[in-house]
Protein backbone atom coordinates (compact mmCIF):
# COMPACT_ATOMS: atom_id res chain seq x y z
CA UNK A 1 44.77 0.75 5.84
CA UNK A 2 45.63 -2.73 4.55
CA UNK A 3 42.56 -5.04 4.42
CA UNK A 4 44.14 -7.66 6.67
CA UNK A 5 44.79 -5.02 9.32
CA UNK A 6 41.12 -4.03 9.14
CA UNK A 7 40.02 -7.62 9.62
CA UNK A 8 42.30 -8.15 12.64
CA UNK A 9 41.12 -4.91 14.25
CA UNK A 10 37.44 -5.78 13.80
CA UNK A 11 37.91 -9.35 15.01
CA UNK A 12 39.54 -8.09 18.21
CA UNK A 13 36.73 -5.62 18.87
CA UNK A 14 34.01 -8.23 18.35
CA UNK A 15 35.78 -10.79 20.57
CA UNK A 16 35.84 -8.47 23.57
CA UNK A 17 32.37 -7.09 22.86
CA UNK A 18 30.60 -10.45 22.70
CA UNK A 19 32.42 -12.34 25.45
CA UNK A 20 30.09 -11.35 28.36
CA UNK A 21 26.97 -11.94 26.28
CA UNK A 22 28.07 -15.43 25.32
CA UNK A 23 28.79 -16.22 28.95
CA UNK A 24 25.37 -15.09 30.11
CA UNK A 25 23.59 -16.68 27.14
CA UNK A 26 25.42 -20.02 27.08
CA UNK A 27 26.97 -20.72 30.47
CA UNK A 28 24.22 -19.32 32.65
CA UNK A 29 21.56 -21.79 31.36
CA UNK A 30 23.88 -24.67 32.27
CA UNK A 31 24.51 -23.24 35.76
CA UNK A 32 20.80 -22.66 36.32
CA UNK A 33 19.82 -26.14 35.11
CA UNK A 34 22.51 -27.68 37.31
CA UNK A 35 20.91 -25.92 40.29
CA UNK A 36 17.44 -27.19 39.39
CA UNK A 37 15.92 -24.29 37.45
CA UNK A 38 13.01 -25.15 35.14
CA UNK A 39 13.34 -25.11 31.35
CA UNK A 40 10.73 -22.36 31.18
CA UNK A 41 12.68 -20.07 33.51
CA UNK A 42 15.87 -20.70 31.54
CA UNK A 43 14.14 -19.73 28.32
CA UNK A 44 12.45 -16.64 29.74
CA UNK A 45 15.72 -15.42 31.28
CA UNK A 46 16.84 -14.52 27.75
CA UNK A 47 14.93 -11.27 28.34
CA UNK A 48 18.21 -9.87 29.73
CA UNK A 49 19.45 -9.76 26.12
CA UNK A 50 16.70 -7.24 25.26
CA UNK A 51 19.18 -4.34 24.87
CA UNK A 52 20.60 -6.07 21.79
CA UNK A 53 17.15 -6.00 20.21
CA UNK A 54 16.25 -2.39 21.02
CA UNK A 55 19.67 -0.73 20.69
CA UNK A 56 18.54 0.88 17.43
CA UNK A 57 16.50 3.27 19.61
CA UNK A 58 19.66 4.99 20.86
CA UNK A 59 21.85 4.19 17.83
CA UNK A 60 21.23 7.65 16.25
CA UNK A 61 22.67 9.23 19.40
CA UNK A 62 25.79 7.05 19.14
CA UNK A 63 26.13 8.10 15.49
CA UNK A 64 25.88 11.73 16.56
CA UNK A 65 28.63 11.30 19.16
CA UNK A 66 31.07 9.21 17.12
CA UNK A 67 30.70 9.86 13.40
CA UNK A 68 31.24 13.59 12.77
CA UNK A 69 34.62 13.67 14.58
CA UNK A 70 35.44 9.99 14.09
CA UNK A 71 35.46 9.39 17.85
CA UNK A 72 35.18 5.63 17.60
CA UNK A 73 38.13 4.74 19.84
CA UNK A 74 37.14 6.79 22.88
CA UNK A 75 33.51 5.67 22.63
CA UNK A 76 34.44 1.99 22.36
CA UNK A 77 37.06 2.19 25.14
CA UNK A 78 34.67 3.96 27.53
CA UNK A 79 31.94 1.38 27.03
CA UNK A 80 34.45 -1.47 27.27
CA UNK A 81 35.57 -0.26 30.69
CA UNK A 82 31.97 0.10 31.88
CA UNK A 83 30.92 -3.47 31.10
CA UNK A 84 34.27 -4.69 32.41
CA UNK A 85 33.34 -3.10 35.75
CA UNK A 86 29.91 -4.75 35.60
CA UNK A 87 31.54 -8.16 35.16
CA UNK A 88 33.96 -7.57 38.03
CA UNK A 89 31.15 -6.43 40.35
CA UNK A 90 29.26 -9.68 39.73
CA UNK A 91 32.03 -11.50 41.60
CA UNK A 92 30.91 -9.73 44.80
CA UNK A 93 27.48 -11.37 44.87
CA UNK A 94 26.31 -14.92 45.52
CA UNK A 95 24.34 -16.34 42.61
CA UNK A 96 21.68 -18.01 44.77
CA UNK A 97 21.23 -15.36 47.48
CA UNK A 98 21.42 -12.29 45.22
CA UNK A 99 19.81 -13.66 42.07
CA UNK A 100 17.72 -10.53 41.16
CA UNK A 101 20.76 -8.28 41.59
CA UNK A 102 22.92 -10.60 39.51
CA UNK A 103 20.35 -10.58 36.70
CA UNK A 104 20.13 -6.78 36.90
CA UNK A 105 23.91 -6.40 36.56
CA UNK A 106 23.85 -8.82 33.65
CA UNK A 107 21.21 -6.69 31.93
CA UNK A 108 23.31 -3.55 32.54
CA UNK A 109 26.36 -5.29 31.08
CA UNK A 110 24.30 -6.23 28.01
CA UNK A 111 23.31 -2.56 27.64
CA UNK A 112 26.91 -1.34 27.64
CA UNK A 113 27.99 -4.09 25.25
CA UNK A 114 25.06 -3.40 22.91
CA UNK A 115 25.94 0.31 22.81
CA UNK A 116 29.55 -0.51 22.04
CA UNK A 117 28.28 -2.77 19.26
CA UNK A 118 26.60 0.23 17.59
CA UNK A 119 29.90 2.11 17.39
CA UNK A 120 31.81 -0.98 16.29
CA UNK A 121 29.32 -1.79 13.52
CA UNK A 122 29.38 1.79 12.22
CA UNK A 123 33.17 1.63 12.23
CA UNK A 124 33.09 -1.63 10.25
CA UNK A 125 30.75 -0.21 7.60
CA UNK A 126 33.05 2.77 7.09
CA UNK A 127 36.27 0.75 7.11
CA UNK A 128 35.25 -1.94 4.62
CA UNK A 129 34.81 -1.50 0.88
CA UNK A 130 32.08 -3.48 -0.92
CA UNK A 131 34.57 -6.18 -1.94
CA UNK A 132 35.96 -6.42 1.61
CA UNK A 133 32.58 -6.93 3.28
CA UNK A 134 32.46 -10.71 2.82
CA UNK A 135 35.88 -11.33 4.43
CA UNK A 136 35.26 -8.47 6.88
CA UNK A 137 32.08 -10.08 8.13
CA UNK A 138 33.90 -13.38 8.35
CA UNK A 139 36.23 -11.55 10.75
CA UNK A 140 33.16 -10.24 12.61
CA UNK A 141 31.55 -13.67 12.86
CA UNK A 142 34.92 -15.18 13.72
CA UNK A 143 35.31 -12.62 16.49
CA UNK A 144 31.87 -13.57 17.76
CA UNK A 145 32.87 -17.22 17.67
CA UNK A 146 36.12 -16.61 19.54
CA UNK A 147 34.17 -14.51 22.04
CA UNK A 148 31.86 -17.49 22.41
CA UNK A 149 34.88 -19.77 22.82
CA UNK A 150 36.16 -17.68 25.71
CA UNK A 151 32.77 -16.76 27.16
CA UNK A 152 31.14 -20.16 26.98
CA UNK A 153 33.54 -23.05 26.40
CA UNK A 154 36.52 -21.85 28.45
CA UNK A 155 34.38 -20.06 31.06
CA UNK A 156 32.17 -23.11 31.57
CA UNK A 157 35.17 -25.30 32.27
CA UNK A 158 36.71 -22.66 34.54
CA UNK A 159 33.44 -22.37 36.45
CA UNK A 160 33.73 -25.98 37.55
CA UNK A 161 37.14 -25.23 39.14
CA UNK A 162 37.07 -21.52 40.05
CA UNK A 163 33.42 -21.02 40.87
CA UNK A 164 31.24 -18.00 40.11
CA UNK A 165 33.47 -15.24 41.55
CA UNK A 166 36.64 -16.60 39.94
CA UNK A 167 35.11 -16.76 36.48
CA UNK A 168 33.69 -13.22 36.76
CA UNK A 169 37.08 -11.76 37.73
CA UNK A 170 38.86 -13.68 34.99
CA UNK A 171 36.40 -12.40 32.39
CA UNK A 172 36.74 -8.81 33.61
CA UNK A 173 40.52 -9.06 33.28
CA UNK A 174 40.28 -10.43 29.77
CA UNK A 175 38.01 -7.56 28.70
CA UNK A 176 40.83 -5.08 29.37
CA UNK A 177 43.26 -6.72 26.93
CA UNK A 178 41.88 -5.38 23.61
CA UNK A 179 42.01 -1.73 24.73
CA UNK A 180 45.66 -1.05 23.88
CA UNK A 181 45.43 -1.47 20.06
CA UNK A 182 42.65 1.14 19.93
CA UNK A 183 45.03 4.02 20.66
CA UNK A 184 45.80 4.67 16.97
CA UNK A 185 42.25 4.08 15.74
CA UNK A 186 40.97 7.66 15.75
CA UNK A 187 43.91 8.77 13.62
CA UNK A 188 42.90 6.16 11.03
CA UNK A 189 39.20 7.11 10.70
CA UNK A 190 38.50 10.47 9.09
CA UNK A 191 35.64 12.63 10.29
CA UNK A 192 32.65 12.91 7.98
CA UNK A 193 31.72 16.30 6.69
CA UNK A 194 29.03 15.27 4.21
CA UNK A 195 26.29 13.80 6.43
CA UNK A 196 22.68 14.06 5.20
CA UNK A 197 20.47 16.61 6.89
CA UNK A 198 18.55 14.03 8.93
CA UNK A 199 21.62 12.03 9.92
CA UNK A 200 21.93 11.07 13.59
CA UNK A 201 18.18 11.60 14.19
CA UNK A 202 15.31 9.18 14.75
CA UNK A 203 13.59 10.76 11.75
CA UNK A 204 16.14 8.98 9.60
CA UNK A 205 15.22 5.47 10.75
CA UNK A 206 11.99 5.10 8.70
CA UNK A 207 14.02 5.95 5.61
CA UNK A 208 15.68 2.56 5.90
CA UNK A 209 12.43 0.83 4.90
CA UNK A 210 11.97 3.14 1.91
CA UNK A 211 14.97 1.59 0.22
CA UNK A 212 14.25 -0.82 -2.61
CA UNK A 213 13.99 -4.38 -1.24
CA UNK A 214 14.39 -3.35 2.42
CA UNK A 215 10.95 -4.59 3.53
CA UNK A 216 11.44 -8.00 1.89
CA UNK A 217 14.91 -8.21 3.38
CA UNK A 218 13.48 -7.43 6.83
CA UNK A 219 10.98 -10.29 6.53
CA UNK A 220 13.78 -12.65 5.56
CA UNK A 221 15.88 -11.58 8.54
CA UNK A 222 12.95 -12.31 10.87
CA UNK A 223 12.77 -15.87 9.55
CA UNK A 224 16.47 -16.71 9.35
CA UNK A 225 17.63 -17.17 12.95
CA UNK A 226 14.70 -18.56 14.95
CA UNK A 227 15.12 -22.28 14.39
CA UNK A 228 18.92 -22.37 14.59
CA UNK A 229 19.22 -20.23 17.73
CA UNK A 230 16.57 -22.21 19.60
CA UNK A 231 18.08 -25.56 18.61
CA UNK A 232 21.56 -24.54 19.77
CA UNK A 233 20.31 -23.14 23.08
CA UNK A 234 18.13 -26.15 23.98
CA UNK A 235 21.01 -28.53 23.32
CA UNK A 236 22.72 -27.35 26.52
CA UNK A 237 19.97 -28.09 29.09
CA UNK A 238 19.36 -31.38 27.26
CA UNK A 239 23.01 -32.34 27.80
CA UNK A 240 22.62 -31.45 31.49
CA UNK A 241 19.54 -33.68 31.70
CA UNK A 242 21.54 -36.49 30.09
CA UNK A 243 24.12 -36.26 32.88
CA UNK A 244 26.94 -34.33 31.21
CA UNK A 245 29.20 -32.26 33.46
CA UNK A 246 29.59 -28.50 32.88
CA UNK A 247 33.22 -29.03 31.82
CA UNK A 248 32.27 -31.61 29.19
CA UNK A 249 29.41 -29.43 27.89
CA UNK A 250 31.86 -26.56 27.62
CA UNK A 251 34.30 -28.72 25.69
CA UNK A 252 31.63 -29.97 23.28
CA UNK A 253 29.57 -26.85 22.63
CA UNK A 254 32.19 -24.22 23.41
CA UNK A 255 35.62 -25.40 22.34
CA UNK A 256 34.61 -27.89 19.63
CA UNK A 257 31.45 -26.20 18.39
CA UNK A 258 32.89 -22.70 18.29
CA UNK A 259 36.08 -23.88 16.56
CA UNK A 260 34.01 -25.41 13.77
CA UNK A 261 31.90 -22.25 13.62
CA UNK A 262 35.04 -20.16 13.20
CA UNK A 263 36.06 -22.27 10.21
CA UNK A 264 32.54 -21.93 8.80
CA UNK A 265 32.71 -18.13 9.08
CA UNK A 266 36.06 -18.02 7.30
CA UNK A 267 34.74 -20.29 4.54
CA UNK A 268 31.61 -18.16 4.11
CA UNK A 269 33.69 -14.97 3.95
CA UNK A 270 35.86 -16.50 1.23
CA UNK A 271 32.87 -17.81 -0.75
CA UNK A 272 30.63 -14.72 -0.63
CA UNK A 273 32.66 -12.71 -3.20
CA UNK A 274 32.76 -15.79 -5.44
CA UNK A 275 29.26 -17.30 -5.18
CA UNK A 276 27.23 -14.33 -4.00
CA UNK A 277 25.38 -13.37 -0.85
CA UNK A 278 22.09 -15.10 -1.70
CA UNK A 279 23.66 -18.51 -2.39
CA UNK A 280 25.60 -18.51 0.88
CA UNK A 281 22.58 -17.35 2.91
CA UNK A 282 20.37 -20.09 1.50
CA UNK A 283 23.11 -22.66 2.08
CA UNK A 284 23.41 -21.59 5.70
CA UNK A 285 19.65 -22.00 6.27
CA UNK A 286 19.74 -25.49 4.74
CA UNK A 287 22.68 -26.42 6.98
CA UNK A 288 20.64 -25.22 9.96
CA UNK A 289 17.77 -27.49 8.89
CA UNK A 290 20.05 -30.53 8.80
CA UNK A 291 21.60 -29.52 12.14
CA UNK A 292 18.23 -29.32 13.92
CA UNK A 293 17.27 -32.74 12.52
CA UNK A 294 20.67 -34.01 13.61
CA UNK A 295 19.76 -33.24 17.24
CA UNK A 296 16.89 -35.76 17.22
CA UNK A 297 19.08 -38.76 18.19
CA UNK A 298 20.37 -36.73 21.14
CA UNK A 299 16.78 -36.12 22.26
CA UNK A 300 16.32 -39.91 22.14
CA UNK A 301 19.35 -40.48 24.37
CA UNK A 302 22.10 -41.18 21.81
CA UNK A 303 25.34 -39.79 23.28
CA UNK A 304 28.17 -41.53 21.40
CA UNK A 305 31.16 -39.22 21.05
CA UNK A 306 31.43 -39.29 17.25
CA UNK A 307 27.74 -38.50 16.88
CA UNK A 308 27.91 -35.62 19.38
CA UNK A 309 30.93 -34.11 17.67
CA UNK A 310 29.25 -34.33 14.26
CA UNK A 311 25.88 -32.94 15.38
CA UNK A 312 27.33 -30.00 17.29
CA UNK A 313 29.77 -29.23 14.46
CA UNK A 314 26.94 -29.09 11.92
CA UNK A 315 24.88 -26.74 14.11
CA UNK A 316 27.82 -24.38 14.62
CA UNK A 317 28.73 -24.47 10.93
CA UNK A 318 25.22 -23.60 9.77
CA UNK A 319 24.81 -20.77 12.26
CA UNK A 320 28.20 -19.23 11.37
CA UNK A 321 27.53 -19.33 7.62
CA UNK A 322 24.08 -17.77 8.08
CA UNK A 323 25.39 -15.04 10.37
CA UNK A 324 28.21 -14.09 7.99
CA UNK A 325 25.82 -13.81 5.03
CA UNK A 326 23.22 -11.79 6.96
CA UNK A 327 25.80 -9.37 8.34
CA UNK A 328 27.28 -8.83 4.89
CA UNK A 329 23.92 -8.02 3.32
CA UNK A 330 23.05 -5.79 6.27
CA UNK A 331 26.08 -3.63 5.48
CA UNK A 332 24.83 -3.24 1.90
CA UNK A 333 21.57 -1.79 3.21
CA UNK A 334 23.17 0.87 5.44
CA UNK A 335 22.96 4.50 4.30
CA UNK A 336 25.74 7.07 4.52
CA UNK A 337 25.39 8.97 7.77
CA UNK A 338 23.17 6.30 9.30
CA UNK A 339 25.66 3.41 9.54
CA UNK A 340 25.24 2.67 13.23
CA UNK A 341 21.47 3.20 13.29
CA UNK A 342 20.72 1.23 10.10
CA UNK A 343 22.95 -1.68 11.02
CA UNK A 344 21.57 -1.78 14.57
CA UNK A 345 18.03 -1.74 13.23
CA UNK A 346 18.79 -4.73 11.03
CA UNK A 347 20.42 -6.60 13.90
CA UNK A 348 17.28 -5.96 15.95
CA UNK A 349 15.08 -7.33 13.17
CA UNK A 350 17.24 -10.39 12.58
CA UNK A 351 17.56 -11.19 16.28
CA UNK A 352 13.88 -10.54 17.03
CA UNK A 353 12.68 -13.70 15.31
CA UNK A 354 15.42 -15.78 16.88
CA UNK A 355 15.10 -14.13 20.29
CA UNK A 356 11.35 -14.59 20.56
CA UNK A 357 11.45 -18.24 19.58
CA UNK A 358 14.54 -18.89 21.70
CA UNK A 359 12.75 -17.34 24.67
CA UNK A 360 9.75 -19.59 24.10
CA UNK A 361 11.82 -22.69 23.35
CA UNK A 362 12.27 -23.66 27.01
CA UNK A 363 8.54 -23.54 27.66
CA UNK A 364 7.83 -25.41 24.41
CA UNK A 365 10.40 -28.10 25.24
CA UNK A 366 8.77 -28.49 28.64
CA UNK A 367 5.33 -28.87 27.04
CA UNK A 368 6.05 -30.92 23.89
CA UNK A 369 9.46 -32.46 24.64
CA UNK A 370 12.94 -32.04 23.22
CA UNK A 371 12.28 -34.19 20.15
CA UNK A 372 9.35 -32.08 18.96
CA UNK A 373 11.14 -28.80 19.62
CA UNK A 374 14.01 -29.91 17.38
CA UNK A 375 11.53 -30.92 14.66
CA UNK A 376 9.91 -27.50 14.90
CA UNK A 377 13.32 -25.83 14.66
CA UNK A 378 14.13 -27.82 11.53
CA UNK A 379 10.84 -26.77 9.93
CA UNK A 380 11.53 -23.09 10.65
CA UNK A 381 15.02 -23.34 9.13
CA UNK A 382 13.64 -25.03 6.02
CA UNK A 383 11.02 -22.30 5.59
CA UNK A 384 13.77 -19.67 5.86
CA UNK A 385 15.79 -21.41 3.13
CA UNK A 386 12.71 -21.44 0.86
CA UNK A 387 12.15 -17.72 1.47
CA UNK A 388 15.66 -16.62 0.44
CA UNK A 389 15.04 -16.53 -3.35
CA UNK A 390 11.56 -15.06 -2.82
CA UNK A 391 12.42 -12.23 -0.44
CA UNK A 392 16.00 -11.31 -1.32
CA UNK A 393 15.39 -9.93 -4.80
CA UNK A 394 16.98 -6.52 -4.39
CA UNK A 395 17.95 -4.69 -7.61
CA UNK A 396 21.57 -5.25 -8.59
CA UNK A 397 22.97 -2.02 -7.14
CA UNK A 398 24.50 -1.45 -3.76
CA UNK A 399 23.35 1.63 -1.90
CA UNK A 400 26.93 2.80 -1.56
CA UNK A 401 28.67 3.29 -4.86
CA UNK A 402 26.09 1.47 -7.01
CA UNK A 403 28.26 -1.64 -7.03
CA UNK A 404 26.61 -4.84 -8.41
CA UNK A 405 25.63 -7.28 -5.70
CA UNK A 406 25.82 -10.96 -6.73
C-alpha cells in the first residue's frame, strides 16, 4: 500500500473515532458553564473519559479478536455503529432533566470509541514502517485535530442554532460517513501467523516494562501532558466568564485553534525523521510552557482579538507537536503480537498525568484563581521539557527491526 494511502486511511479513522470525545470534552464544559455549573463540577465531569485511561485492560482481548485473522475492518465498523447509536440516542433526552442519563450515555460512547481506538492503533502500528511513523502519526494527530474541529468548533457553533438534539443527530450522521472506505481494508491487512506464545493475554502486559528504557519513558509520558491539557481546558470556562458566546468560543478554540494544531502536527511529522523524536518532543513541551504563560493576560481580562488568536494558536501548536512526538515513540515501544495492548497501555500512561491534573484543574482554579492555575501549568510543562533528555535515553535500536532511532 502506498504510504500516502495509509496516511489518508488512518486520518479518516481517527477523525470519526475522536469526534464524540472532543464534543463531550470541549463543548460540554461550555454548555455546563453557560447553565451555571461550578468550575469544580466541570473539572470532575472529566471522569466520563475514564475508558480512555483503562482501555489497556481489555486491549489484549481486542488483539485476540482482530490480529490473527486481520479482522480490523469489521471490528472498527461494529464499534463505530455502536457509538453512533449512542450519540443519536442522546438527542432523545433533555440535558437538564435527564442529566445522569446523559452522562451515562456519554460514558458508554467513550467506551465504544476507546475500544475502537485499540483496533485502530494496532492497525496503524502494523501498517507503518519505522520511517513512516513520523508522518503517520502526523496523520493521526491531524485526524484528532479535525475530529476536534468537527466535535468542538463546528458543534459548538451549531449548538447555538440547533440546540442539543440537533447537534447530537448531526454528529451521529457524520459518524456514518467514514464506514464506506473500510470495505477493502481486511483484504489489505494480512493475518499474523507468528504471534508470541503470550500474545493477546494479560500476562504479556508486564513484559512492556521489561523493555530497555520503558520505565523511564513511562515516567516521561506521565509528565508530558498535564500542564498543556489543563491550560487548554480551563481556557474555555474562562472565556465564558469573560462574556464570550458559545459560537465565538467555538470559532476561537475550535476552528482557529484546531486549524493551527493541524499545521503543527504536519510540521512535527515532517521534522521527526529529520531532527529526531527527542528534539521534537522537547520542543513541544517548551511550546506548551510558553502557551500556558501566554494565557496569563487572558486571566487578567485582556481580550483583544490579535492576542486571543496568538495565545490560542500557540497552545494548539504546542499540544499537537507534543502529541505527534509521543505517539511516534509509543509505536517504537510496541512489541509484535501486542500492538493494541502495548499502545493502549502507553496512551493510558500518557493521559493519566494529564487527565488527573485536568480533572483537578477546575477545583484548583476555583480555589487559587485562573492566573495561578496557568502559572502552575507552565511550571509543569517546563519540568516535562527538562525531563526529556534525562528520561528518554533508550538505546539506539527500535524494538521492531533494530532500526536506529534518532
